[in-house]
């Protein structure tokens, strides 16, 4: 009987360990590795740092981006403007389907709908903004898929920004500090 109880306890511990390993922890300070990234030219990203805090219920992301100056006579392009979703501090719920917050902009606060979903080892994030522009109502959506390397020291973010100027996609590779 003791042997059967020991075997059941061992199976339970192994199952708990396997479950714990399936939930990735993205917490830490992450620095963009431009050499390993595939960044859309319109993004004009020169450097980027993300600070991520994760609990069982929330994911808090603070991002700082340094951008290259736009080309003479060029437009900022999608991903380079104030609605790109790149900078700021956002808290996602890992339990609720969607949450809404506001982002301060030069034209006033803009509502931002946030959603996060852990899909196995992949984290899927969405930010959606609808605001009034010179040409009427504009909707911009940022979708990201995050994945960690096996050692947890490399974060890969596949990002798609959709808006009135089309779609801008990039693959950003970050290293943990």
N, C-alpha and C. Protein backbone atom coordinates (compact mmCIF):
# COMPACT_ATOMS: atom_id res chain seq x y z
N UNK A 1 0.82 -1.20 0.00
CA UNK A 1 0.00 0.00 0.00
C UNK A 1 0.86 1.26 0.00
N UNK A 2 1.96 1.23 0.80
CA UNK A 2 2.86 2.38 0.85
C UNK A 2 3.48 2.64 -0.52
N UNK A 3 3.81 1.57 -1.20
CA UNK A 3 4.43 1.70 -2.52
C UNK A 3 3.46 2.37 -3.49
N UNK A 4 2.19 2.01 -3.46
CA UNK A 4 1.18 2.62 -4.33
C UNK A 4 1.00 4.09 -3.98
N UNK A 5 0.99 4.42 -2.68
CA UNK A 5 0.84 5.82 -2.26
C UNK A 5 2.05 6.63 -2.71
N UNK A 6 3.25 6.04 -2.60
CA UNK A 6 4.47 6.72 -3.04
C UNK A 6 4.43 6.99 -4.55
N UNK A 7 4.00 6.01 -5.31
CA UNK A 7 3.92 6.16 -6.77
C UNK A 7 2.91 7.25 -7.14
N UNK A 8 1.75 7.26 -6.48
CA UNK A 8 0.74 8.30 -6.74
C UNK A 8 1.27 9.69 -6.38
N UNK A 9 1.99 9.79 -5.27
CA UNK A 9 2.57 11.08 -4.86
C UNK A 9 3.60 11.54 -5.88
N UNK A 10 4.43 10.62 -6.37
CA UNK A 10 5.45 10.95 -7.36
C UNK A 10 4.79 11.44 -8.66
N UNK A 11 3.73 10.78 -9.08
CA UNK A 11 3.01 11.18 -10.29
C UNK A 11 2.40 12.57 -10.10
N UNK A 12 1.81 12.82 -8.95
CA UNK A 12 1.21 14.13 -8.66
C UNK A 12 2.26 15.23 -8.69
N UNK A 13 3.44 15.00 -8.10
CA UNK A 13 4.51 15.99 -8.11
C UNK A 13 5.03 16.23 -9.53
N UNK A 14 5.19 15.17 -10.30
CA UNK A 14 5.65 15.31 -11.68
C UNK A 14 4.63 16.09 -12.51
N UNK A 15 3.35 15.82 -12.31
CA UNK A 15 2.30 16.54 -13.03
C UNK A 15 2.30 18.01 -12.66
N UNK A 16 2.45 18.32 -11.37
CA UNK A 16 2.48 19.72 -10.92
C UNK A 16 3.68 20.43 -11.50
N UNK A 17 4.84 19.77 -11.54
CA UNK A 17 6.04 20.38 -12.12
C UNK A 17 5.87 20.63 -13.61
N UNK A 18 5.28 19.68 -14.31
CA UNK A 18 5.04 19.85 -15.75
C UNK A 18 4.09 21.00 -16.01
N UNK A 19 3.03 21.13 -15.19
CA UNK A 19 2.07 22.22 -15.36
C UNK A 19 2.75 23.56 -15.11
N UNK A 20 3.58 23.64 -14.06
CA UNK A 20 4.26 24.90 -13.73
C UNK A 20 5.19 25.32 -14.86
N UNK A 21 5.82 24.37 -15.54
CA UNK A 21 6.74 24.70 -16.62
C UNK A 21 6.00 25.21 -17.85
N UNK A 22 4.74 24.88 -18.03
CA UNK A 22 4.00 25.30 -19.21
C UNK A 22 3.57 26.76 -19.14
N UNK A 23 3.54 27.35 -17.95
CA UNK A 23 3.16 28.74 -17.81
C UNK A 23 4.42 29.59 -17.81
N UNK A 24 4.74 30.24 -18.93
CA UNK A 24 5.97 31.03 -19.00
C UNK A 24 5.88 32.28 -18.13
N UNK A 25 7.01 32.71 -17.61
CA UNK A 25 7.08 33.93 -16.83
C UNK A 25 7.90 34.94 -17.62
N UNK A 26 7.25 36.02 -18.06
CA UNK A 26 7.89 37.02 -18.90
C UNK A 26 8.50 38.17 -18.09
N UNK A 27 8.46 38.07 -16.76
CA UNK A 27 8.96 39.14 -15.89
C UNK A 27 10.43 39.43 -16.16
N UNK A 28 10.79 40.71 -16.04
CA UNK A 28 12.18 41.12 -16.17
C UNK A 28 12.31 42.37 -16.99
N UNK A 29 13.55 42.80 -17.16
CA UNK A 29 13.86 43.94 -18.03
C UNK A 29 14.46 43.37 -19.30
N UNK A 30 13.87 43.76 -20.42
CA UNK A 30 14.23 43.23 -21.73
C UNK A 30 14.75 44.34 -22.63
N UNK A 31 15.88 44.09 -23.30
CA UNK A 31 16.48 45.07 -24.20
C UNK A 31 16.45 44.52 -25.62
N UNK A 32 16.03 45.37 -26.57
CA UNK A 32 15.93 44.96 -27.97
C UNK A 32 17.31 44.64 -28.54
N UNK A 33 17.41 43.51 -29.22
CA UNK A 33 18.61 43.11 -29.96
C UNK A 33 18.31 43.39 -31.44
N UNK A 34 18.72 44.57 -31.90
CA UNK A 34 18.40 44.98 -33.28
C UNK A 34 19.00 44.05 -34.32
N UNK A 35 20.18 43.50 -34.04
CA UNK A 35 20.85 42.63 -35.01
C UNK A 35 20.04 41.36 -35.28
N UNK A 36 19.36 40.84 -34.29
CA UNK A 36 18.58 39.60 -34.44
C UNK A 36 17.13 39.86 -34.78
N UNK A 37 16.70 41.12 -34.78
CA UNK A 37 15.31 41.48 -35.03
C UNK A 37 15.07 41.78 -36.51
N UNK A 38 13.82 41.66 -36.93
CA UNK A 38 13.40 42.05 -38.28
C UNK A 38 12.38 43.16 -38.10
N UNK A 39 12.87 44.41 -38.18
CA UNK A 39 12.05 45.57 -37.85
C UNK A 39 11.62 46.26 -39.13
N UNK A 40 10.31 46.48 -39.26
CA UNK A 40 9.77 47.20 -40.40
C UNK A 40 10.35 48.61 -40.42
N UNK A 41 10.78 49.08 -41.59
CA UNK A 41 11.42 50.39 -41.72
C UNK A 41 10.55 51.52 -41.19
N UNK A 42 9.22 51.40 -41.33
CA UNK A 42 8.34 52.48 -40.88
C UNK A 42 8.35 52.65 -39.37
N UNK A 43 8.80 51.65 -38.63
CA UNK A 43 8.82 51.75 -37.17
C UNK A 43 9.91 52.69 -36.67
N UNK A 44 11.00 52.81 -37.41
CA UNK A 44 12.12 53.71 -37.08
C UNK A 44 12.67 53.48 -35.67
N UNK A 45 12.64 52.25 -35.18
CA UNK A 45 13.12 51.95 -33.83
C UNK A 45 14.64 51.94 -33.82
N UNK A 46 15.19 52.74 -32.92
CA UNK A 46 16.64 52.77 -32.72
C UNK A 46 17.03 51.91 -31.51
N UNK A 47 16.24 51.99 -30.44
CA UNK A 47 16.47 51.21 -29.23
C UNK A 47 15.14 51.04 -28.50
N UNK A 48 15.01 49.95 -27.74
CA UNK A 48 13.77 49.72 -27.00
C UNK A 48 14.08 48.89 -25.75
N UNK A 49 13.44 49.26 -24.67
CA UNK A 49 13.53 48.52 -23.42
C UNK A 49 12.12 48.28 -22.89
N UNK A 50 11.85 47.04 -22.46
CA UNK A 50 10.56 46.71 -21.84
C UNK A 50 10.84 46.19 -20.43
N UNK A 51 10.04 46.69 -19.50
CA UNK A 51 10.07 46.17 -18.15
C UNK A 51 8.74 45.47 -17.93
N UNK A 52 8.80 44.18 -17.61
CA UNK A 52 7.60 43.36 -17.51
C UNK A 52 7.49 42.79 -16.10
N UNK A 53 6.32 42.94 -15.51
CA UNK A 53 6.00 42.32 -14.23
C UNK A 53 4.81 41.39 -14.44
N UNK A 54 4.90 40.18 -13.95
CA UNK A 54 3.84 39.20 -14.17
C UNK A 54 3.44 38.54 -12.86
N UNK A 55 2.14 38.45 -12.63
CA UNK A 55 1.58 37.67 -11.53
C UNK A 55 0.66 36.63 -12.15
N UNK A 56 -0.01 35.87 -11.33
CA UNK A 56 -0.97 34.88 -11.85
C UNK A 56 -2.14 35.56 -12.55
N UNK A 57 -2.45 36.81 -12.15
CA UNK A 57 -3.63 37.50 -12.69
C UNK A 57 -3.33 38.62 -13.68
N UNK A 58 -2.13 39.21 -13.63
CA UNK A 58 -1.85 40.39 -14.45
C UNK A 58 -0.49 40.33 -15.11
N UNK A 59 -0.37 41.14 -16.16
CA UNK A 59 0.89 41.34 -16.86
C UNK A 59 1.03 42.85 -17.03
N UNK A 60 2.05 43.44 -16.42
CA UNK A 60 2.28 44.88 -16.52
C UNK A 60 3.51 45.11 -17.38
N UNK A 61 3.35 45.93 -18.42
CA UNK A 61 4.43 46.18 -19.37
C UNK A 61 4.67 47.67 -19.47
N UNK A 62 5.91 48.09 -19.20
CA UNK A 62 6.32 49.48 -19.39
C UNK A 62 7.38 49.49 -20.48
N UNK A 63 7.15 50.28 -21.52
CA UNK A 63 8.04 50.29 -22.68
C UNK A 63 8.58 51.69 -22.94
N UNK A 64 9.89 51.75 -23.24
CA UNK A 64 10.53 52.99 -23.65
C UNK A 64 11.21 52.72 -24.98
N UNK A 65 10.92 53.59 -25.96
CA UNK A 65 11.46 53.41 -27.30
C UNK A 65 12.16 54.68 -27.75
N UNK A 66 13.36 54.52 -28.28
CA UNK A 66 14.08 55.64 -28.91
C UNK A 66 13.94 55.43 -30.40
N UNK A 67 13.45 56.46 -31.09
CA UNK A 67 13.21 56.35 -32.53
C UNK A 67 14.16 57.25 -33.31
N UNK A 68 14.48 56.79 -34.52
CA UNK A 68 15.27 57.59 -35.44
C UNK A 68 14.39 58.71 -35.98
N UNK A 69 14.99 59.81 -36.33
CA UNK A 69 14.24 60.93 -36.90
C UNK A 69 13.67 60.50 -38.25
N UNK A 70 12.45 61.01 -38.60
CA UNK A 70 11.89 60.66 -39.91
C UNK A 70 12.73 61.25 -41.02
N UNK A 71 12.70 60.59 -42.17
CA UNK A 71 13.43 61.10 -43.33
C UNK A 71 12.84 62.43 -43.76
N UNK A 72 13.67 63.28 -44.33
CA UNK A 72 13.22 64.60 -44.78
C UNK A 72 12.08 64.44 -45.77
N UNK A 73 10.97 65.14 -45.50
CA UNK A 73 9.81 65.09 -46.37
C UNK A 73 8.99 63.84 -46.21
N UNK A 74 9.46 62.91 -45.38
CA UNK A 74 8.74 61.65 -45.19
C UNK A 74 7.69 61.77 -44.10
N UNK A 75 6.82 60.81 -44.08
CA UNK A 75 5.80 60.75 -43.05
C UNK A 75 6.28 59.80 -41.97
N UNK A 76 5.76 59.99 -40.78
CA UNK A 76 6.17 59.16 -39.65
C UNK A 76 5.86 57.71 -39.87
N UNK A 77 4.82 57.41 -40.59
CA UNK A 77 4.46 56.02 -40.86
C UNK A 77 3.84 55.37 -39.64
N UNK A 78 3.22 54.25 -39.88
CA UNK A 78 2.59 53.53 -38.80
C UNK A 78 3.65 52.91 -37.92
N UNK A 79 3.44 52.95 -36.65
CA UNK A 79 4.42 52.41 -35.73
C UNK A 79 5.34 53.49 -35.22
N UNK A 80 5.36 54.65 -35.86
CA UNK A 80 6.22 55.72 -35.42
C UNK A 80 5.44 56.82 -34.75
N UNK A 81 4.14 56.78 -34.80
CA UNK A 81 3.32 57.85 -34.25
C UNK A 81 2.96 57.64 -32.81
N UNK A 82 2.19 58.56 -32.29
CA UNK A 82 1.85 58.51 -30.87
C UNK A 82 0.83 57.43 -30.55
N UNK A 83 0.22 56.80 -31.55
CA UNK A 83 -0.76 55.76 -31.31
C UNK A 83 -0.22 54.38 -31.66
N UNK A 84 1.10 54.25 -31.73
CA UNK A 84 1.69 52.99 -32.19
C UNK A 84 1.59 51.87 -31.18
N UNK A 85 1.30 52.18 -29.92
CA UNK A 85 1.24 51.13 -28.92
C UNK A 85 2.61 50.75 -28.41
N UNK A 86 3.66 51.41 -28.90
CA UNK A 86 5.01 51.02 -28.51
C UNK A 86 5.39 51.53 -27.13
N UNK A 87 5.09 52.75 -26.79
CA UNK A 87 5.51 53.32 -25.52
C UNK A 87 4.36 53.43 -24.54
N UNK A 88 4.72 53.46 -23.29
CA UNK A 88 3.73 53.63 -22.24
C UNK A 88 3.76 52.49 -21.27
N UNK A 89 2.78 52.49 -20.37
CA UNK A 89 2.66 51.46 -19.35
C UNK A 89 1.24 50.92 -19.40
N UNK A 90 1.11 49.62 -19.60
CA UNK A 90 -0.19 48.99 -19.70
C UNK A 90 -0.24 47.77 -18.80
N UNK A 91 -1.40 47.56 -18.19
CA UNK A 91 -1.61 46.38 -17.36
C UNK A 91 -2.70 45.53 -18.00
N UNK A 92 -2.33 44.32 -18.36
CA UNK A 92 -3.25 43.36 -18.98
C UNK A 92 -3.76 42.40 -17.91
N UNK A 93 -5.00 42.01 -18.02
CA UNK A 93 -5.56 40.97 -17.15
C UNK A 93 -5.34 39.62 -17.82
N UNK A 94 -4.80 38.68 -17.06
CA UNK A 94 -4.64 37.33 -17.58
C UNK A 94 -5.86 36.47 -17.24
N UNK A 95 -6.83 37.06 -16.55
CA UNK A 95 -8.04 36.34 -16.14
C UNK A 95 -9.29 36.81 -16.90
N UNK A 96 -9.39 38.13 -17.15
CA UNK A 96 -10.56 38.67 -17.83
C UNK A 96 -10.33 38.67 -19.34
N UNK A 97 -11.41 38.66 -20.07
CA UNK A 97 -11.31 38.63 -21.52
C UNK A 97 -10.73 39.92 -22.09
N UNK A 98 -11.25 41.06 -21.65
CA UNK A 98 -10.78 42.37 -22.10
C UNK A 98 -10.85 43.37 -20.95
N UNK A 99 -9.96 44.35 -21.02
CA UNK A 99 -10.02 45.48 -20.11
C UNK A 99 -9.85 46.75 -20.93
N UNK A 100 -10.34 47.86 -20.41
CA UNK A 100 -10.20 49.13 -21.11
C UNK A 100 -9.52 50.13 -20.19
N UNK A 101 -8.59 50.87 -20.76
CA UNK A 101 -7.88 51.92 -20.04
C UNK A 101 -7.79 53.13 -20.95
N UNK A 102 -7.12 54.17 -20.52
CA UNK A 102 -6.92 55.36 -21.37
C UNK A 102 -5.44 55.63 -21.52
N UNK A 103 -5.07 56.12 -22.70
CA UNK A 103 -3.71 56.53 -22.97
C UNK A 103 -3.71 58.03 -23.21
N UNK A 104 -2.84 58.75 -22.51
CA UNK A 104 -2.72 60.20 -22.71
C UNK A 104 -2.04 60.46 -24.04
N UNK A 105 -2.60 61.39 -24.81
CA UNK A 105 -2.02 61.80 -26.09
C UNK A 105 -2.08 63.32 -26.16
N UNK A 106 -1.36 63.94 -27.11
CA UNK A 106 -1.43 65.40 -27.25
C UNK A 106 -2.84 65.92 -27.53
N UNK A 107 -3.70 65.06 -28.08
CA UNK A 107 -5.08 65.47 -28.38
C UNK A 107 -6.06 65.10 -27.28
N UNK A 108 -5.54 64.57 -26.18
CA UNK A 108 -6.40 64.16 -25.08
C UNK A 108 -6.37 62.66 -24.92
N UNK A 109 -7.07 62.15 -23.91
CA UNK A 109 -7.04 60.70 -23.64
C UNK A 109 -7.74 59.89 -24.73
N UNK A 110 -7.16 58.74 -25.02
CA UNK A 110 -7.71 57.83 -26.02
C UNK A 110 -7.99 56.50 -25.32
N UNK A 111 -9.22 55.97 -25.46
CA UNK A 111 -9.49 54.66 -24.85
C UNK A 111 -8.72 53.55 -25.57
N UNK A 112 -8.19 52.62 -24.78
CA UNK A 112 -7.43 51.49 -25.31
C UNK A 112 -8.03 50.21 -24.73
N UNK A 113 -8.44 49.30 -25.61
CA UNK A 113 -8.95 48.01 -25.18
C UNK A 113 -7.80 47.03 -25.22
N UNK A 114 -7.56 46.35 -24.08
CA UNK A 114 -6.45 45.42 -23.95
C UNK A 114 -6.97 44.00 -23.77
N UNK A 115 -6.31 43.05 -24.39
CA UNK A 115 -6.62 41.65 -24.12
C UNK A 115 -5.33 40.85 -24.12
N UNK A 116 -5.29 39.85 -23.27
CA UNK A 116 -4.13 38.97 -23.16
C UNK A 116 -4.61 37.55 -23.00
N UNK A 117 -3.92 36.63 -23.66
CA UNK A 117 -4.29 35.22 -23.56
C UNK A 117 -3.03 34.38 -23.61
N UNK A 118 -2.86 33.53 -22.61
CA UNK A 118 -1.78 32.56 -22.65
C UNK A 118 -2.28 31.34 -23.41
N UNK A 119 -1.60 31.02 -24.50
CA UNK A 119 -1.95 29.89 -25.34
C UNK A 119 -0.77 28.92 -25.31
N UNK A 120 -0.75 28.06 -24.29
CA UNK A 120 0.41 27.18 -24.10
C UNK A 120 1.60 28.02 -23.68
N UNK A 121 2.68 27.96 -24.44
CA UNK A 121 3.88 28.72 -24.13
C UNK A 121 3.89 30.09 -24.81
N UNK A 122 2.83 30.42 -25.55
CA UNK A 122 2.75 31.69 -26.28
C UNK A 122 1.78 32.63 -25.59
N UNK A 123 2.18 33.88 -25.46
CA UNK A 123 1.33 34.94 -24.92
C UNK A 123 0.85 35.79 -26.09
N UNK A 124 -0.47 35.95 -26.20
CA UNK A 124 -1.05 36.76 -27.27
C UNK A 124 -1.64 38.03 -26.66
N UNK A 125 -1.14 39.19 -27.11
CA UNK A 125 -1.60 40.49 -26.62
C UNK A 125 -2.23 41.28 -27.74
N UNK A 126 -3.30 42.01 -27.42
CA UNK A 126 -3.94 42.89 -28.40
C UNK A 126 -4.24 44.23 -27.74
N UNK A 127 -3.94 45.31 -28.46
CA UNK A 127 -4.32 46.67 -28.07
C UNK A 127 -5.14 47.25 -29.22
N UNK A 128 -6.29 47.81 -28.90
CA UNK A 128 -7.13 48.41 -29.94
C UNK A 128 -7.52 49.82 -29.50
N UNK A 129 -7.29 50.79 -30.39
CA UNK A 129 -7.62 52.19 -30.14
C UNK A 129 -8.53 52.70 -31.24
N UNK A 130 -9.54 53.45 -30.86
CA UNK A 130 -10.37 54.14 -31.83
C UNK A 130 -10.41 55.60 -31.39
N UNK A 131 -10.06 56.49 -32.31
CA UNK A 131 -9.98 57.90 -31.97
C UNK A 131 -10.35 58.73 -33.19
N UNK A 132 -10.61 60.02 -32.96
CA UNK A 132 -10.96 60.93 -34.06
C UNK A 132 -9.70 61.58 -34.60
N UNK A 133 -9.55 61.53 -35.90
CA UNK A 133 -8.42 62.16 -36.58
C UNK A 133 -8.93 63.20 -37.55
N UNK A 134 -8.02 63.74 -38.34
CA UNK A 134 -8.39 64.76 -39.32
C UNK A 134 -9.33 64.21 -40.39
N UNK A 135 -9.27 62.89 -40.60
CA UNK A 135 -10.10 62.29 -41.64
C UNK A 135 -11.22 61.44 -41.04
N UNK A 136 -11.60 61.76 -39.80
CA UNK A 136 -12.70 61.03 -39.17
C UNK A 136 -12.20 60.02 -38.15
N UNK A 137 -13.04 59.03 -37.87
CA UNK A 137 -12.71 58.02 -36.87
C UNK A 137 -11.66 57.05 -37.40
N UNK A 138 -10.66 56.78 -36.58
CA UNK A 138 -9.55 55.91 -36.96
C UNK A 138 -9.43 54.80 -35.93
N UNK A 139 -9.22 53.57 -36.40
CA UNK A 139 -8.98 52.45 -35.51
C UNK A 139 -7.59 51.91 -35.81
N UNK A 140 -6.81 51.72 -34.75
CA UNK A 140 -5.47 51.13 -34.85
C UNK A 140 -5.41 49.94 -33.91
N UNK A 141 -4.91 48.82 -34.42
CA UNK A 141 -4.84 47.60 -33.63
C UNK A 141 -3.42 47.05 -33.65
N UNK A 142 -2.91 46.73 -32.48
CA UNK A 142 -1.60 46.11 -32.34
C UNK A 142 -1.82 44.69 -31.82
N UNK A 143 -1.24 43.71 -32.51
CA UNK A 143 -1.32 42.31 -32.07
C UNK A 143 0.11 41.79 -31.91
N UNK A 144 0.35 41.13 -30.79
CA UNK A 144 1.68 40.59 -30.52
C UNK A 144 1.58 39.15 -30.05
N UNK A 145 2.57 38.35 -30.45
CA UNK A 145 2.73 36.98 -29.95
C UNK A 145 4.11 36.89 -29.32
N UNK A 146 4.13 36.61 -28.03
CA UNK A 146 5.38 36.53 -27.27
C UNK A 146 5.74 35.07 -27.03
N UNK A 147 7.04 34.76 -27.15
CA UNK A 147 7.52 33.43 -26.79
C UNK A 147 8.92 33.56 -26.20
N UNK A 148 9.20 32.69 -25.21
CA UNK A 148 10.50 32.68 -24.55
C UNK A 148 11.35 31.54 -25.07
N UNK A 149 12.67 31.75 -25.07
CA UNK A 149 13.59 30.66 -25.39
C UNK A 149 13.58 29.67 -24.23
N UNK A 150 14.11 28.49 -24.45
CA UNK A 150 14.11 27.44 -23.43
C UNK A 150 14.81 27.89 -22.15
N UNK A 151 15.87 28.70 -22.27
CA UNK A 151 16.59 29.16 -21.08
C UNK A 151 15.97 30.41 -20.45
N UNK A 152 14.91 30.98 -21.08
CA UNK A 152 14.22 32.14 -20.53
C UNK A 152 14.98 33.45 -20.67
N UNK A 153 16.04 33.48 -21.48
CA UNK A 153 16.86 34.69 -21.60
C UNK A 153 16.61 35.46 -22.89
N UNK A 154 15.82 34.89 -23.79
CA UNK A 154 15.49 35.55 -25.05
C UNK A 154 13.97 35.57 -25.21
N UNK A 155 13.44 36.75 -25.50
CA UNK A 155 12.01 36.95 -25.73
C UNK A 155 11.83 37.36 -27.18
N UNK A 156 10.99 36.63 -27.92
CA UNK A 156 10.68 36.97 -29.30
C UNK A 156 9.25 37.48 -29.36
N UNK A 157 9.08 38.67 -29.96
CA UNK A 157 7.77 39.30 -30.08
C UNK A 157 7.47 39.48 -31.56
N UNK A 158 6.44 38.78 -32.04
CA UNK A 158 5.96 38.97 -33.41
C UNK A 158 4.85 39.99 -33.33
N UNK A 159 5.06 41.16 -33.95
CA UNK A 159 4.14 42.29 -33.82
C UNK A 159 3.53 42.66 -35.17
N UNK A 160 2.23 42.91 -35.14
CA UNK A 160 1.50 43.37 -36.32
C UNK A 160 0.71 44.61 -35.91
N UNK A 161 0.96 45.73 -36.58
CA UNK A 161 0.22 46.96 -36.34
C UNK A 161 -0.67 47.23 -37.55
N UNK A 162 -1.98 47.30 -37.33
CA UNK A 162 -2.94 47.51 -38.41
C UNK A 162 -3.63 48.85 -38.22
N UNK A 163 -3.69 49.64 -39.29
CA UNK A 163 -4.34 50.94 -39.22
C UNK A 163 -4.66 51.47 -40.60
N UNK A 164 -5.00 52.74 -40.69
CA UNK A 164 -5.42 53.31 -41.97
C UNK A 164 -4.33 53.30 -43.04
N UNK A 165 -3.06 53.21 -42.63
CA UNK A 165 -1.97 53.20 -43.61
C UNK A 165 -1.53 51.78 -43.97
N UNK A 166 -2.30 50.79 -43.54
CA UNK A 166 -1.96 49.41 -43.85
C UNK A 166 -1.45 48.66 -42.63
N UNK A 167 -0.72 47.59 -42.91
CA UNK A 167 -0.21 46.73 -41.85
C UNK A 167 1.31 46.81 -41.81
N UNK A 168 1.84 46.89 -40.61
CA UNK A 168 3.27 46.97 -40.36
C UNK A 168 3.62 45.77 -39.49
N UNK A 169 4.47 44.85 -39.98
CA UNK A 169 4.85 43.69 -39.18
C UNK A 169 6.33 43.72 -38.86
N UNK A 170 6.68 43.24 -37.69
CA UNK A 170 8.06 43.14 -37.25
C UNK A 170 8.20 41.93 -36.34
N UNK A 171 9.42 41.42 -36.27
CA UNK A 171 9.77 40.40 -35.27
C UNK A 171 10.87 41.02 -34.43
N UNK A 172 10.56 41.24 -33.15
CA UNK A 172 11.49 41.89 -32.24
C UNK A 172 12.09 40.83 -31.32
N UNK A 173 13.40 40.83 -31.19
CA UNK A 173 14.09 39.88 -30.33
C UNK A 173 14.72 40.67 -29.19
N UNK A 174 14.40 40.26 -27.95
CA UNK A 174 14.89 40.94 -26.75
C UNK A 174 15.75 39.99 -25.94
N UNK A 175 16.73 40.55 -25.24
CA UNK A 175 17.54 39.78 -24.31
C UNK A 175 17.25 40.27 -22.90
N UNK A 176 17.25 39.33 -21.97
CA UNK A 176 16.95 39.66 -20.57
C UNK A 176 18.18 40.26 -19.91
N UNK A 177 17.96 41.33 -19.17
CA UNK A 177 19.06 42.00 -18.47
C UNK A 177 19.23 41.47 -17.07
